[in-house]
């Protein structure tokens, strides 16, 4: 028996779950990147994980503060 997942509330503009876009600086850019990556994966193309990771970190709304050495 397969596990059933709860339905997530979707974003009206993009159609993606709101959870995926929460905390992003630019929600439209993040949604476009997620959709582009998903389409490439479905087509069987090579997916550049390093570039994806770099983009998603740049979209992160919370930045960690640097610690000062005393």
N, C-alpha and C. Protein backbone atom coordinates (compact mmCIF):
# COMPACT_ATOMS: atom_id res chain seq x y z
N UNK A 1 0.85 -1.18 0.00
CA UNK A 1 0.00 0.00 0.00
C UNK A 1 0.89 1.24 0.00
N UNK A 2 0.63 2.14 -0.92
CA UNK A 2 1.45 3.34 -1.02
C UNK A 2 1.04 4.38 0.01
N UNK A 3 2.02 5.15 0.43
CA UNK A 3 1.76 6.19 1.42
C UNK A 3 1.05 7.36 0.76
N UNK A 4 0.02 7.87 1.41
CA UNK A 4 -0.70 9.02 0.87
C UNK A 4 -0.22 10.28 1.58
N UNK A 5 0.01 11.31 0.79
CA UNK A 5 0.48 12.58 1.33
C UNK A 5 -0.68 13.57 1.39
N UNK A 6 -0.62 14.45 2.40
CA UNK A 6 -1.64 15.49 2.50
C UNK A 6 -1.50 16.48 1.36
N UNK A 7 -2.61 17.02 0.90
CA UNK A 7 -2.57 18.05 -0.14
C UNK A 7 -2.08 19.34 0.48
N UNK A 8 -1.21 20.03 -0.22
CA UNK A 8 -0.66 21.30 0.25
C UNK A 8 -1.37 22.46 -0.43
N UNK A 9 -1.58 23.56 0.28
CA UNK A 9 -2.17 24.74 -0.39
C UNK A 9 -1.23 25.26 -1.46
N UNK A 10 -1.78 25.55 -2.63
CA UNK A 10 -0.97 25.96 -3.77
C UNK A 10 -0.96 27.49 -3.92
N UNK A 11 0.13 27.99 -4.50
CA UNK A 11 0.24 29.40 -4.83
C UNK A 11 -0.57 29.64 -6.10
N UNK A 12 -1.38 30.68 -6.13
CA UNK A 12 -2.27 30.90 -7.28
C UNK A 12 -1.52 31.25 -8.56
N UNK A 13 -0.46 32.05 -8.46
CA UNK A 13 0.27 32.47 -9.66
C UNK A 13 1.06 31.33 -10.30
N UNK A 14 1.73 30.53 -9.47
CA UNK A 14 2.67 29.54 -10.01
C UNK A 14 2.13 28.12 -10.03
N UNK A 15 1.20 27.82 -9.12
CA UNK A 15 0.66 26.46 -9.04
C UNK A 15 1.50 25.54 -8.18
N UNK A 16 2.62 26.05 -7.64
CA UNK A 16 3.46 25.24 -6.75
C UNK A 16 2.95 25.36 -5.32
N UNK A 17 3.26 24.36 -4.49
CA UNK A 17 2.88 24.48 -3.08
C UNK A 17 3.54 25.70 -2.43
N UNK A 18 2.79 26.40 -1.58
CA UNK A 18 3.29 27.61 -0.93
C UNK A 18 4.52 27.33 -0.07
N UNK A 19 4.61 26.11 0.46
CA UNK A 19 5.73 25.74 1.32
C UNK A 19 7.05 25.84 0.55
N UNK A 20 7.03 25.50 -0.74
CA UNK A 20 8.25 25.54 -1.55
C UNK A 20 8.77 26.96 -1.72
N UNK A 21 7.87 27.93 -1.70
CA UNK A 21 8.24 29.31 -1.99
C UNK A 21 8.37 30.17 -0.74
N UNK A 22 8.08 29.61 0.42
CA UNK A 22 8.13 30.42 1.64
C UNK A 22 9.56 30.82 1.95
N UNK A 23 9.73 32.08 2.31
CA UNK A 23 11.06 32.58 2.68
C UNK A 23 11.91 33.03 1.52
N UNK A 24 11.41 32.95 0.30
CA UNK A 24 12.18 33.36 -0.87
C UNK A 24 12.13 34.88 -1.04
N UNK A 25 13.22 35.45 -1.50
CA UNK A 25 13.25 36.89 -1.76
C UNK A 25 12.41 37.21 -2.99
N UNK A 26 12.53 36.38 -4.02
CA UNK A 26 11.79 36.57 -5.27
C UNK A 26 11.05 35.27 -5.57
N UNK A 27 9.78 35.22 -5.19
CA UNK A 27 9.00 33.98 -5.32
C UNK A 27 8.85 33.54 -6.77
N UNK A 28 8.69 34.50 -7.69
CA UNK A 28 8.51 34.16 -9.11
C UNK A 28 9.77 33.51 -9.67
N UNK A 29 10.93 34.03 -9.30
CA UNK A 29 12.20 33.48 -9.80
C UNK A 29 12.43 32.08 -9.25
N UNK A 30 12.11 31.89 -7.98
CA UNK A 30 12.29 30.57 -7.37
C UNK A 30 11.34 29.56 -8.01
N UNK A 31 10.10 29.96 -8.25
CA UNK A 31 9.12 29.07 -8.88
C UNK A 31 9.57 28.70 -10.29
N UNK A 32 10.09 29.67 -11.04
CA UNK A 32 10.55 29.41 -12.40
C UNK A 32 11.71 28.42 -12.39
N UNK A 33 12.62 28.58 -11.43
CA UNK A 33 13.78 27.67 -11.32
C UNK A 33 13.32 26.26 -10.97
N UNK A 34 12.37 26.13 -10.06
CA UNK A 34 11.87 24.81 -9.68
C UNK A 34 11.21 24.12 -10.87
N UNK A 35 10.38 24.88 -11.61
CA UNK A 35 9.69 24.31 -12.77
C UNK A 35 10.66 23.92 -13.88
N UNK A 36 11.67 24.77 -14.11
CA UNK A 36 12.67 24.50 -15.16
C UNK A 36 13.46 23.24 -14.82
N UNK A 37 13.84 23.09 -13.57
CA UNK A 37 14.60 21.92 -13.12
C UNK A 37 13.75 20.66 -13.24
N UNK A 38 12.48 20.76 -12.84
CA UNK A 38 11.58 19.60 -12.91
C UNK A 38 11.38 19.14 -14.35
N UNK A 39 11.24 20.11 -15.27
CA UNK A 39 11.04 19.77 -16.68
C UNK A 39 12.28 19.10 -17.26
N UNK A 40 13.46 19.62 -16.92
CA UNK A 40 14.71 19.03 -17.41
C UNK A 40 14.88 17.62 -16.87
N UNK A 41 14.53 17.41 -15.61
CA UNK A 41 14.64 16.09 -14.99
C UNK A 41 13.70 15.11 -15.68
N UNK A 42 12.48 15.55 -15.99
CA UNK A 42 11.51 14.69 -16.68
C UNK A 42 11.99 14.30 -18.07
N UNK A 43 12.65 15.25 -18.76
CA UNK A 43 13.16 14.95 -20.10
C UNK A 43 14.41 14.08 -20.08
N UNK A 44 14.98 13.89 -18.90
CA UNK A 44 16.17 13.05 -18.77
C UNK A 44 17.46 13.80 -19.02
N UNK A 45 17.39 15.12 -19.00
CA UNK A 45 18.59 15.92 -19.22
C UNK A 45 19.43 15.97 -17.94
N UNK A 46 20.69 16.39 -18.10
CA UNK A 46 21.58 16.53 -16.96
C UNK A 46 21.13 17.73 -16.13
N UNK A 47 21.05 17.55 -14.82
CA UNK A 47 20.64 18.62 -13.92
C UNK A 47 21.87 19.05 -13.12
N UNK A 48 22.22 20.33 -13.21
CA UNK A 48 23.40 20.86 -12.53
C UNK A 48 23.05 21.19 -11.07
N UNK A 49 23.34 20.25 -10.18
CA UNK A 49 22.97 20.42 -8.78
C UNK A 49 23.72 21.56 -8.10
N UNK A 50 24.95 21.80 -8.52
CA UNK A 50 25.73 22.87 -7.91
C UNK A 50 25.10 24.24 -8.20
N UNK A 51 24.67 24.43 -9.44
CA UNK A 51 24.03 25.69 -9.83
C UNK A 51 22.69 25.87 -9.13
N UNK A 52 21.94 24.79 -9.01
CA UNK A 52 20.64 24.84 -8.33
C UNK A 52 20.83 25.21 -6.87
N UNK A 53 21.79 24.58 -6.23
CA UNK A 53 22.06 24.85 -4.82
C UNK A 53 22.48 26.31 -4.62
N UNK A 54 23.32 26.81 -5.51
CA UNK A 54 23.79 28.19 -5.42
C UNK A 54 22.62 29.17 -5.57
N UNK A 55 21.73 28.90 -6.53
CA UNK A 55 20.57 29.76 -6.75
C UNK A 55 19.65 29.77 -5.54
N UNK A 56 19.39 28.58 -5.00
CA UNK A 56 18.45 28.48 -3.88
C UNK A 56 19.01 29.13 -2.62
N UNK A 57 20.32 29.07 -2.44
CA UNK A 57 20.93 29.75 -1.29
C UNK A 57 20.81 31.26 -1.47
N UNK A 58 20.97 31.75 -2.70
CA UNK A 58 20.86 33.19 -2.96
C UNK A 58 19.43 33.69 -2.75
N UNK A 59 18.45 32.81 -2.90
CA UNK A 59 17.04 33.17 -2.71
C UNK A 59 16.62 33.12 -1.24
N UNK A 60 17.46 32.55 -0.39
CA UNK A 60 17.12 32.40 1.01
C UNK A 60 16.94 33.75 1.67
N UNK A 61 15.85 33.92 2.38
CA UNK A 61 15.55 35.20 3.02
C UNK A 61 16.35 35.44 4.28
N UNK A 62 16.73 34.37 4.96
CA UNK A 62 17.46 34.54 6.22
C UNK A 62 18.93 34.27 6.00
N UNK A 63 19.75 35.24 6.33
CA UNK A 63 21.20 35.09 6.22
C UNK A 63 21.78 34.96 7.61
N UNK A 64 22.77 34.10 7.74
CA UNK A 64 23.42 33.93 9.04
C UNK A 64 24.44 35.04 9.24
N UNK A 65 24.53 35.51 10.46
CA UNK A 65 25.50 36.56 10.78
C UNK A 65 26.88 35.94 10.96
N UNK A 66 27.89 36.65 10.52
CA UNK A 66 29.26 36.19 10.69
C UNK A 66 29.70 36.44 12.13
N UNK A 67 30.44 35.50 12.68
CA UNK A 67 30.95 35.65 14.03
C UNK A 67 32.27 36.40 13.99
N UNK A 68 32.43 37.28 14.92
CA UNK A 68 33.69 38.04 15.02
C UNK A 68 34.63 37.34 15.99
N UNK A 69 35.89 37.30 15.62
CA UNK A 69 36.89 36.77 16.53
C UNK A 69 37.32 37.88 17.47
N UNK A 70 37.47 37.56 18.72
CA UNK A 70 37.90 38.56 19.70
C UNK A 70 39.36 38.41 20.03
